Amino acid sequence: MPKETWIIASVLTVLLLLGLLGLASWEKKQEVEKIRAELTEAQAAAAKAQAEAAELKEKVAEGQTRIRDLQKEKDTAVQTHQSLEDEMRAALESKDVTISQLQGKLTVNILDHVLFDSGEADLKPAGAAVLRKVAAVLAAHPSLKVHVIGHTDNVPIRAAARNRFPSNWELSTARATAAVRFLTEAAGVDPRRLGAVGYGEFRPVADNATPEGRARNRRIAITILSEELAGADTAPAAAPKSPASRTAPAASTNAVAEPPAGATPSEGTTPAAK
């Protein structure tokens, strides 16, 4: 083989080897860069997952704290409710005034003859004394709302009184409103805490066919509610400036004569009057 040919072949071989080495190096570099990119992406994903895990852990901790707070609030509410019930029983419970629990509500049931004369809505001295005791207990629990609910039996209003009370609705509502007015004007209860409702004869707790049953159906029920149960309509924003401004409690207590609602007892299980 001529020397020139051998030199050319050697040079070509070297160039080919260098080319192959360069190609291999370039491919290796691309592979390294790809691996680096994948590593960077994996690190970013790991950092994101770690941040999400930390956020989730924080939310779990917040949830556990909220659960503990809610349990404390529940325990406090139960203790308050039990304390209120005990105070009411100690101050009021008798053969004419009974205390009952129904659906989370505490109800003081008062026989009608304690508060009013037959067919009347003027509060008697004995009734005023009972309501003063109620107000004294309520003073220790200022966040609780109160609904005063009037009930009657199904005996129609006597003819002589129909110019004032056309039906049992008007009588029951007038009695509830009279109790509310006393609690605000004479006993100092904040009128924003109170509501007056009359159900007439339409929420009986006993059979009106007997004198005993009618006596049980004639009643005033004072139902004590928590802030949540009372609803937003019982908590107006503006407070009265002074006791002297409490001259029209009906405007702040929602006195309502409600239509028939069947015969489902919902105000307790004690007697009341007409």
C-alpha atoms as a PDB file:
ATOM      1  CA  MET A   1       0.000   0.000   0.000  1.00  0.00           C
ATOM      2  CA  PRO A   2       1.398   3.367  -0.923  1.00  0.00           C
ATOM      3  CA  LYS A   3       2.429   5.503   2.005  1.00  0.00           C
ATOM      4  CA  GLU A   4       0.086   8.354   1.032  1.00  0.00           C
ATOM      5  CA  THR A   5      -2.867   6.002   0.969  1.00  0.00           C
ATOM      6  CA  TRP A   6      -2.006   4.638   4.382  1.00  0.00           C
ATOM      7  CA  ILE A   7      -1.731   8.164   5.807  1.00  0.00           C
ATOM      8  CA  ILE A   8      -5.098   9.155   4.352  1.00  0.00           C
ATOM      9  CA  ALA A   9      -6.712   6.005   5.731  1.00  0.00           C
ATOM     10  CA  SER A  10      -5.208   6.649   9.141  1.00  0.00           C
ATOM     11  CA  VAL A  11      -6.421  10.257   9.126  1.00  0.00           C
ATOM     12  CA  LEU A  12      -9.908   9.179   8.091  1.00  0.00           C
ATOM     13  CA  THR A  13      -9.923   6.535  10.810  1.00  0.00           C
ATOM     14  CA  VAL A  14      -8.890   9.079  13.414  1.00  0.00           C
ATOM     15  CA  LEU A  15     -11.535  11.510  12.199  1.00  0.00           C
ATOM     16  CA  LEU A  16     -14.146   8.772  12.301  1.00  0.00           C
ATOM     17  CA  LEU A  17     -13.137   7.848  15.838  1.00  0.00           C
ATOM     18  CA  LEU A  18     -13.214  11.474  16.886  1.00  0.00           C
ATOM     19  CA  GLY A  19     -16.659  11.834  15.342  1.00  0.00           C
ATOM     20  CA  LEU A  20     -17.919   8.783  17.109  1.00  0.00           C
ATOM     21  CA  LEU A  21     -16.461   9.988  20.398  1.00  0.00           C
ATOM     22  CA  GLY A  22     -18.042  13.418  19.892  1.00  0.00           C
ATOM     23  CA  LEU A  23     -21.416  11.870  19.112  1.00  0.00           C
ATOM     24  CA  ALA A  24     -21.175   9.653  22.171  1.00  0.00           C
ATOM     25  CA  SER A  25     -20.192  12.666  24.281  1.00  0.00           C
ATOM     26  CA  TRP A  26     -23.113  14.737  22.941  1.00  0.00           C
ATOM     27  CA  GLU A  27     -25.577  11.922  23.599  1.00  0.00           C
ATOM     28  CA  LYS A  28     -24.142  11.506  27.098  1.00  0.00           C
ATOM     29  CA  LYS A  29     -24.528  15.235  27.702  1.00  0.00           C
ATOM     30  CA  GLN A  30     -28.158  15.132  26.547  1.00  0.00           C
ATOM     31  CA  GLU A  31     -28.839  12.178  28.802  1.00  0.00           C
ATOM     32  CA  VAL A  32     -27.231  13.954  31.765  1.00  0.00           C
ATOM     33  CA  GLU A  33     -29.298  17.080  31.087  1.00  0.00           C
ATOM     34  CA  LYS A  34     -32.467  15.002  30.843  1.00  0.00           C
ATOM     35  CA  ILE A  35     -31.653  13.297  34.121  1.00  0.00           C
ATOM     36  CA  ARG A  36     -30.978  16.663  35.740  1.00  0.00           C
ATOM     37  CA  ALA A  37     -34.321  18.008  34.460  1.00  0.00           C
ATOM     38  CA  GLU A  38     -36.126  14.945  35.753  1.00  0.00           C
ATOM     39  CA  LEU A  39     -34.347  15.302  39.095  1.00  0.00           C
ATOM     40  CA  THR A  40     -35.299  18.983  39.303  1.00  0.00           C
ATOM     41  CA  GLU A  41     -38.916  18.114  38.467  1.00  0.00           C
ATOM     42  CA  ALA A  42     -38.919  15.339  41.054  1.00  0.00           C
ATOM     43  CA  GLN A  43     -37.496  17.700  43.678  1.00  0.00           C
ATOM     44  CA  ALA A  44     -40.157  20.292  42.848  1.00  0.00           C
ATOM     45  CA  ALA A  45     -42.888  17.648  43.102  1.00  0.00           C
ATOM     46  CA  ALA A  46     -41.457  16.463  46.418  1.00  0.00           C
ATOM     47  CA  ALA A  47     -41.343  20.036  47.736  1.00  0.00           C
ATOM     48  CA  LYS A  48     -44.942  20.607  46.621  1.00  0.00           C
ATOM     49  CA  ALA A  49     -46.061  17.358  48.229  1.00  0.00           C
ATOM     50  CA  GLN A  50     -44.248  18.309  51.415  1.00  0.00           C
ATOM     51  CA  ALA A  51     -45.923  21.735  51.431  1.00  0.00           C
ATOM     52  CA  GLU A  52     -49.339  20.145  50.847  1.00  0.00           C
ATOM     53  CA  ALA A  53     -48.671  17.647  53.629  1.00  0.00           C
ATOM     54  CA  ALA A  54     -47.726  20.488  55.980  1.00  0.00           C
ATOM     55  CA  GLU A  55     -50.852  22.413  54.976  1.00  0.00           C
ATOM     56  CA  LEU A  56     -53.013  19.333  55.490  1.00  0.00           C
ATOM     57  CA  LYS A  57     -51.397  18.726  58.874  1.00  0.00           C
ATOM     58  CA  GLU A  58     -52.119  22.329  59.842  1.00  0.00           C
ATOM     59  CA  LYS A  59     -55.753  21.990  58.745  1.00  0.00           C
ATOM     60  CA  VAL A  60     -56.090  18.766  60.735  1.00  0.00           C
ATOM     61  CA  ALA A  61     -54.668  20.534  63.788  1.00  0.00           C
ATOM     62  CA  GLU A  62     -57.078  23.441  63.263  1.00  0.00           C
ATOM     63  CA  GLY A  63     -59.965  20.995  62.894  1.00  0.00           C
ATOM     64  CA  GLN A  64     -59.015  19.211  66.098  1.00  0.00           C
ATOM     65  CA  THR A  65     -58.761  22.543  67.901  1.00  0.00           C
ATOM     66  CA  ARG A  66     -62.185  23.561  66.575  1.00  0.00           C
ATOM     67  CA  ILE A  67     -63.668  20.240  67.688  1.00  0.00           C
ATOM     68  CA  ARG A  68     -62.245  20.769  71.178  1.00  0.00           C
ATOM     69  CA  ASP A  69     -63.605  24.331  71.236  1.00  0.00           C
ATOM     70  CA  LEU A  70     -67.043  23.146  70.104  1.00  0.00           C
ATOM     71  CA  GLN A  71     -67.022  20.431  72.747  1.00  0.00           C
ATOM     72  CA  LYS A  72     -66.146  23.018  75.393  1.00  0.00           C
ATOM     73  CA  GLU A  73     -68.949  25.262  74.122  1.00  0.00           C
ATOM     74  CA  LYS A  74     -71.349  22.330  74.207  1.00  0.00           C
ATOM     75  CA  ASP A  75     -70.276  21.383  77.730  1.00  0.00           C
ATOM     76  CA  THR A  76     -70.650  25.001  78.839  1.00  0.00           C
ATOM     77  CA  ALA A  77     -74.104  25.222  77.243  1.00  0.00           C
ATOM     78  CA  VAL A  78     -75.177  21.987  78.918  1.00  0.00           C
ATOM     79  CA  GLN A  79     -73.894  23.211  82.276  1.00  0.00           C
ATOM     80  CA  THR A  80     -75.619  26.570  81.799  1.00  0.00           C
ATOM     81  CA  HIS A  81     -78.854  24.885  80.800  1.00  0.00           C
ATOM     82  CA  GLN A  82     -78.705  22.542  83.768  1.00  0.00           C
ATOM     83  CA  SER A  83     -77.889  25.412  86.090  1.00  0.00           C
ATOM     84  CA  LEU A  84     -80.833  27.379  84.714  1.00  0.00           C
ATOM     85  CA  GLU A  85     -83.161  24.423  85.154  1.00  0.00           C
ATOM     86  CA  ASP A  86     -81.997  23.890  88.730  1.00  0.00           C
ATOM     87  CA  GLU A  87     -82.460  27.577  89.519  1.00  0.00           C
ATOM     88  CA  MET A  88     -85.942  27.613  87.993  1.00  0.00           C
ATOM     89  CA  ARG A  89     -86.984  24.511  89.894  1.00  0.00           C
ATOM     90  CA  ALA A  90     -85.666  25.877  93.174  1.00  0.00           C
ATOM     91  CA  ALA A  91     -87.357  29.246  92.694  1.00  0.00           C
ATOM     92  CA  LEU A  92     -90.646  28.296  91.062  1.00  0.00           C
ATOM     93  CA  GLU A  93     -91.648  24.649  90.999  1.00  0.00           C
ATOM     94  CA  SER A  94     -94.872  23.935  92.863  1.00  0.00           C
ATOM     95  CA  LYS A  95     -98.265  22.369  92.230  1.00  0.00           C
ATOM     96  CA  ASP A  96     -99.158  25.410  90.126  1.00  0.00           C
ATOM     97  CA  VAL A  97     -95.812  25.875  88.342  1.00  0.00           C
ATOM     98  CA  THR A  98     -93.918  23.033  86.721  1.00  0.00           C
ATOM     99  CA  ILE A  99     -90.670  22.820  84.728  1.00  0.00           C
ATOM    100  CA  SER A 100     -90.296  20.618  81.656  1.00  0.00           C
ATOM    101  CA  GLN A 101     -87.639  19.824  79.044  1.00  0.00           C
ATOM    102  CA  LEU A 102     -88.640  19.265  75.429  1.00  0.00           C
ATOM    103  CA  GLN A 103     -86.421  19.278  72.322  1.00  0.00           C
ATOM    104  CA  GLY A 104     -83.624  21.140  74.072  1.00  0.00           C
ATOM    105  CA  LYS A 105     -85.907  23.869  75.390  1.00  0.00           C
ATOM    106  CA  LEU A 106     -86.635  24.612  79.029  1.00  0.00           C
ATOM    107  CA  THR A 107     -90.281  25.520  79.630  1.00  0.00           C
ATOM    108  CA  VAL A 108     -91.885  26.975  82.741  1.00  0.00           C
ATOM    109  CA  ASN A 109     -95.578  26.047  82.716  1.00  0.00           C
ATOM    110  CA  ILE A 110     -97.857  28.172  84.890  1.00  0.00           C
ATOM    111  CA  LEU A 111    -101.497  27.475  85.699  1.00  0.00           C
ATOM    112  CA  ASP A 112    -103.666  30.266  84.355  1.00  0.00           C
ATOM    113  CA  HIS A 113    -105.420  30.964  87.658  1.00  0.00           C
ATOM    114  CA  VAL A 114    -102.072  31.942  89.183  1.00  0.00           C
ATOM    115  CA  LEU A 115    -101.635  34.759  86.685  1.00  0.00           C
ATOM    116  CA  PHE A 116    -105.131  35.810  85.605  1.00  0.00           C
ATOM    117  CA  ASP A 117    -108.757  35.716  86.605  1.00  0.00           C
ATOM    118  CA  SER A 118    -111.087  33.698  84.391  1.00  0.00           C
ATOM    119  CA  GLY A 119    -111.528  35.307  80.985  1.00  0.00           C
ATOM    120  CA  GLU A 120    -109.224  38.218  81.848  1.00  0.00           C
ATOM    121  CA  ALA A 121    -105.751  39.349  80.783  1.00  0.00           C
ATOM    122  CA  ASP A 122    -104.888  41.598  83.746  1.00  0.00           C
ATOM    123  CA  LEU A 123    -101.996  40.178  85.742  1.00  0.00           C
ATOM    124  CA  LYS A 124    -102.844  39.229  89.334  1.00  0.00           C
ATOM    125  CA  PRO A 125    -100.501  39.989  92.286  1.00  0.00           C
ATOM    126  CA  ALA A 126     -99.727  36.274  92.665  1.00  0.00           C
ATOM    127  CA  GLY A 127     -98.840  36.108  88.981  1.00  0.00           C
ATOM    128  CA  ALA A 128     -96.622  39.177  89.297  1.00  0.00           C
ATOM    129  CA  ALA A 129     -94.750  37.469  92.139  1.00  0.00           C
ATOM    130  CA  VAL A 130     -94.114  34.395  89.982  1.00  0.00           C
ATOM    131  CA  LEU A 131     -92.907  36.497  87.044  1.00  0.00           C
ATOM    132  CA  ARG A 132     -90.552  38.445  89.308  1.00  0.00           C
ATOM    133  CA  LYS A 133     -88.938  35.151  90.277  1.00  0.00           C
ATOM    134  CA  VAL A 134     -88.647  34.217  86.604  1.00  0.00           C
ATOM    135  CA  ALA A 135     -87.032  37.594  85.870  1.00  0.00           C
ATOM    136  CA  ALA A 136     -84.574  37.164  88.744  1.00  0.00           C
ATOM    137  CA  VAL A 137     -83.364  33.848  87.304  1.00  0.00           C
ATOM    138  CA  LEU A 138     -83.197  35.275  83.775  1.00  0.00           C
ATOM    139  CA  ALA A 139     -81.017  38.132  85.015  1.00  0.00           C
ATOM    140  CA  ALA A 140     -78.237  35.613  85.671  1.00  0.00           C
ATOM    141  CA  HIS A 141     -78.448  34.315  82.075  1.00  0.00           C
ATOM    142  CA  PRO A 142     -78.525  37.426  79.847  1.00  0.00           C
ATOM    143  CA  SER A 143     -77.779  35.621  76.566  1.00  0.00           C
ATOM    144  CA  LEU A 144     -80.939  33.510  76.654  1.00  0.00           C
ATOM    145  CA  LYS A 145     -84.136  34.447  74.824  1.00  0.00           C
ATOM    146  CA  VAL A 146     -87.667  33.933  76.116  1.00  0.00           C
ATOM    147  CA  HIS A 147     -90.953  33.185  74.380  1.00  0.00           C
ATOM    148  CA  VAL A 148     -94.087  33.688  76.467  1.00  0.00           C
ATOM    149  CA  ILE A 149     -96.866  31.556  75.002  1.00  0.00           C
ATOM    150  CA  GLY A 150    -100.552  31.789  75.847  1.00  0.00           C
ATOM    151  CA  HIS A 151    -102.909  28.792  75.614  1.00  0.00           C
ATOM    152  CA  THR A 152    -106.613  28.292  76.370  1.00  0.00           C
ATOM    153  CA  ASP A 153    -109.124  25.455  76.396  1.00  0.00           C
ATOM    154  CA  ASN A 154    -111.771  25.193  73.670  1.00  0.00           C
ATOM    155  CA  VAL A 155    -114.582  26.867  75.602  1.00  0.00           C
ATOM    156  CA  PRO A 156    -115.753  29.947  73.644  1.00  0.00           C
ATOM    157  CA  ILE A 157    -115.253  33.421  75.106  1.00  0.00           C
ATOM    158  CA  ARG A 158    -118.270  34.460  77.175  1.00  0.00           C
ATOM    159  CA  ALA A 159    -120.566  36.969  75.489  1.00  0.00           C
ATOM    160  CA  ALA A 160    -119.801  39.798  77.947  1.00  0.00           C
ATOM    161  CA  ALA A 161    -116.089  39.684  77.098  1.00  0.00           C
ATOM    162  CA  ARG A 162    -116.275  39.320  73.322  1.00  0.00           C
ATOM    163  CA  ASN A 163    -115.937  43.047  72.731  1.00  0.00           C
ATOM    164  CA  ARG A 164    -112.388  42.729  74.151  1.00  0.00           C
ATOM    165  CA  PHE A 165    -111.530  39.162  73.136  1.00  0.00           C
ATOM    166  CA  PRO A 166    -113.467  37.999  70.070  1.00  0.00           C
ATOM    167  CA  SER A 167    -111.888  34.547  70.335  1.00  0.00           C
ATOM    168  CA  ASN A 168    -109.437  32.481  72.346  1.00  0.00           C
ATOM    169  CA  TRP A 169    -106.636  33.682  70.069  1.00  0.00           C
ATOM    170  CA  GLU A 170    -107.033  37.249  71.276  1.00  0.00           C
ATOM    171  CA  LEU A 171    -107.279  36.154  74.916  1.00  0.00           C
ATOM    172  CA  SER A 172    -104.196  33.923  74.753  1.00  0.00           C
ATOM    173  CA  THR A 173    -102.175  36.605  72.964  1.00  0.00           C
ATOM    174  CA  ALA A 174    -103.305  39.346  75.359  1.00  0.00           C
ATOM    175  CA  ARG A 175    -102.205  37.227  78.309  1.00  0.00           C
ATOM    176  CA  ALA A 176     -98.818  36.458  76.757  1.00  0.00           C
ATOM    177  CA  THR A 177     -98.328  40.159  75.993  1.00  0.00           C
ATOM    178  CA  ALA A 178     -99.364  41.141  79.524  1.00  0.00           C
ATOM    179  CA  ALA A 179     -96.703  38.809  80.942  1.00  0.00           C
ATOM    180  CA  VAL A 180     -94.100  40.212  78.541  1.00  0.00           C
ATOM    181  CA  ARG A 181     -94.990  43.799  79.452  1.00  0.00           C
ATOM    182  CA  PHE A 182     -94.587  42.997  83.134  1.00  0.00           C
ATOM    183  CA  LEU A 183     -91.236  41.311  82.601  1.00  0.00           C
ATOM    184  CA  THR A 184     -89.914  44.344  80.704  1.00  0.00           C
ATOM    185  CA  GLU A 185     -91.566  47.273  82.483  1.00  0.00           C
ATOM    186  CA  ALA A 186     -91.733  46.035  86.064  1.00  0.00           C
ATOM    187  CA  ALA A 187     -89.033  43.350  86.246  1.00  0.00           C
ATOM    188  CA  GLY A 188     -86.417  44.991  84.014  1.00  0.00           C
ATOM    189  CA  VAL A 189     -85.900  42.216  81.452  1.00  0.00           C
ATOM    190  CA  ASP A 190     -84.419  43.504  78.180  1.00  0.00           C
ATOM    191  CA  PRO A 191     -87.356  43.547  75.704  1.00  0.00           C
ATOM    192  CA  ARG A 192     -85.038  42.339  72.912  1.00  0.00           C
ATOM    193  CA  ARG A 193     -84.935  38.992  74.716  1.00  0.00           C
ATOM    194  CA  LEU A 194     -88.695  38.476  74.663  1.00  0.00           C
ATOM    195  CA  GLY A 195     -91.431  37.333  72.327  1.00  0.00           C
ATOM    196  CA  ALA A 196     -95.166  36.959  72.940  1.00  0.00           C
ATOM    197  CA  VAL A 197     -97.284  34.359  71.115  1.00  0.00           C
ATOM    198  CA  GLY A 198    -100.887  33.227  71.425  1.00  0.00           C
ATOM    199  CA  TYR A 199    -101.992  29.770  70.263  1.00  0.00           C
ATOM    200  CA  GLY A 200    -105.523  29.949  71.628  1.00  0.00           C
ATOM    201  CA  GLU A 201    -107.115  26.527  71.937  1.00  0.00           C
ATOM    202  CA  PHE A 202    -105.118  24.924  69.146  1.00  0.00           C
ATOM    203  CA  ARG A 203    -102.161  23.444  71.051  1.00  0.00           C
ATOM    204  CA  PRO A 204    -103.879  21.322  73.723  1.00  0.00           C
ATOM    205  CA  VAL A 205    -101.909  18.958  75.951  1.00  0.00           C
ATOM    206  CA  ALA A 206    -104.976  17.189  77.312  1.00  0.00           C
ATOM    207  CA  ASP A 207    -108.526  16.238  76.322  1.00  0.00           C
ATOM    208  CA  ASN A 208    -110.881  19.225  76.428  1.00  0.00           C
ATOM    209  CA  ALA A 209    -113.785  16.859  77.081  1.00  0.00           C
ATOM    210  CA  THR A 210    -113.130  16.847  80.842  1.00  0.00           C
ATOM    211  CA  PRO A 211    -112.736  19.674  83.365  1.00  0.00           C
ATOM    212  CA  GLU A 212    -109.336  18.324  84.317  1.00  0.00           C
ATOM    213  CA  GLY A 213    -108.195  18.297  80.697  1.00  0.00           C
ATOM    214  CA  ARG A 214    -109.445  21.830  80.098  1.00  0.00           C
ATOM    215  CA  ALA A 215    -107.607  22.978  83.217  1.00  0.00           C
ATOM    216  CA  ARG A 216    -104.362  21.538  81.871  1.00  0.00           C
ATOM    217  CA  ASN A 217    -104.875  23.205  78.498  1.00  0.00           C
ATOM    218  CA  ARG A 218    -105.377  26.645  80.034  1.00  0.00           C
ATOM    219  CA  ARG A 219    -101.786  27.683  80.613  1.00  0.00           C
ATOM    220  CA  ILE A 220     -98.997  30.165  80.133  1.00  0.00           C
ATOM    221  CA  ALA A 221     -95.752  28.587  78.938  1.00  0.00           C
ATOM    222  CA  ILE A 222     -92.490  30.498  79.311  1.00  0.00           C
ATOM    223  CA  THR A 223     -90.021  28.835  76.964  1.00  0.00           C
ATOM    224  CA  ILE A 224     -86.347  29.682  77.356  1.00  0.00           C
ATOM    225  CA  LEU A 225     -84.167  29.429  74.270  1.00  0.00           C
ATOM    226  CA  SER A 226     -80.489  29.716  73.482  1.00  0.00           C
ATOM    227  CA  GLU A 227     -79.282  32.419  71.071  1.00  0.00           C
ATOM    228  CA  GLU A 228     -79.143  29.851  68.240  1.00  0.00           C
ATOM    229  CA  LEU A 229     -82.663  28.528  68.795  1.00  0.00           C
ATOM    230  CA  ALA A 230     -84.174  31.966  69.233  1.00  0.00           C
ATOM    231  CA  GLY A 231     -83.251  33.137  65.719  1.00  0.00           C
ATOM    232  CA  ALA A 232     -82.040  36.458  64.398  1.00  0.00           C
ATOM    233  CA  ASP A 233     -85.470  38.121  64.600  1.00  0.00           C
ATOM    234  CA  THR A 234     -85.286  38.153  68.407  1.00  0.00           C
ATOM    235  CA  ALA A 235     -82.063  40.164  68.553  1.00  0.00           C
ATOM    236  CA  PRO A 236     -82.529  43.647  67.023  1.00  0.00           C
ATOM    237  CA  ALA A 237     -79.372  45.731  66.749  1.00  0.00           C
ATOM    238  CA  ALA A 238     -80.533  48.878  68.534  1.00  0.00           C
ATOM    239  CA  ALA A 239     -80.785  48.725  72.325  1.00  0.00           C
ATOM    240  CA  PRO A 240     -83.343  50.790  74.240  1.00  0.00           C
ATOM    241  CA  LYS A 241     -81.852  53.942  75.756  1.00  0.00           C
ATOM    242  CA  SER A 242     -83.482  53.591  79.155  1.00  0.00           C
ATOM    243  CA  PRO A 243     -86.283  51.772  81.006  1.00  0.00           C
ATOM    244  CA  ALA A 244     -88.444  54.829  80.327  1.00  0.00           C
ATOM    245  CA  SER A 245     -88.320  54.059  76.621  1.00  0.00           C
ATOM    246  CA  ARG A 246     -89.984  50.670  77.201  1.00  0.00           C
ATOM    247  CA  THR A 247     -93.495  52.026  76.818  1.00  0.00           C
ATOM    248  CA  ALA A 248     -94.556  49.865  73.891  1.00  0.00           C
ATOM    249  CA  PRO A 249     -93.133  46.365  74.312  1.00  0.00           C
ATOM    250  CA  ALA A 250     -95.489  45.001  71.712  1.00  0.00           C
ATOM    251  CA  ALA A 251     -93.313  46.694  69.100  1.00  0.00           C
ATOM    252  CA  SER A 252     -90.280  44.769  70.290  1.00  0.00           C
ATOM    253  CA  THR A 253     -91.772  41.444  71.335  1.00  0.00           C
ATOM    254  CA  ASN A 254     -93.717  40.146  68.318  1.00  0.00           C
ATOM    255  CA  ALA A 255     -97.141  39.530  69.864  1.00  0.00           C
ATOM    256  CA  VAL A 256     -98.853  37.140  67.437  1.00  0.00           C
ATOM    257  CA  ALA A 257    -102.130  35.238  67.379  1.00  0.00           C
ATOM    258  CA  GLU A 258    -101.221  32.163  65.366  1.00  0.00           C
ATOM    259  CA  PRO A 259    -103.610  30.009  63.295  1.00  0.00           C
ATOM    260  CA  PRO A 260    -104.457  26.398  64.139  1.00  0.00           C
ATOM    261  CA  ALA A 261    -101.469  24.044  64.174  1.00  0.00           C
ATOM    262  CA  GLY A 262    -103.104  20.791  65.136  1.00  0.00           C
ATOM    263  CA  ALA A 263    -103.076  19.212  68.536  1.00  0.00           C
ATOM    264  CA  THR A 264     -99.394  18.391  68.902  1.00  0.00           C
ATOM    265  CA  PRO A 265     -98.157  19.395  72.383  1.00  0.00           C
ATOM    266  CA  SER A 266     -95.041  21.498  72.140  1.00  0.00           C
ATOM    267  CA  GLU A 267     -95.030  23.775  75.160  1.00  0.00           C
ATOM    268  CA  GLY A 268     -94.680  21.258  77.987  1.00  0.00           C
ATOM    269  CA  THR A 269     -96.996  19.058  80.005  1.00  0.00           C
ATOM    270  CA  THR A 270     -98.495  21.234  82.716  1.00  0.00           C
ATOM    271  CA  PRO A 271    -101.847  22.915  83.327  1.00  0.00           C
ATOM    272  CA  ALA A 272    -102.810  26.494  82.534  1.00  0.00           C
ATOM    273  CA  ALA A 273    -105.845  28.686  82.431  1.00  0.00           C
ATOM    274  CA  LYS A 274    -108.325  30.716  80.470  1.00  0.00           C
END
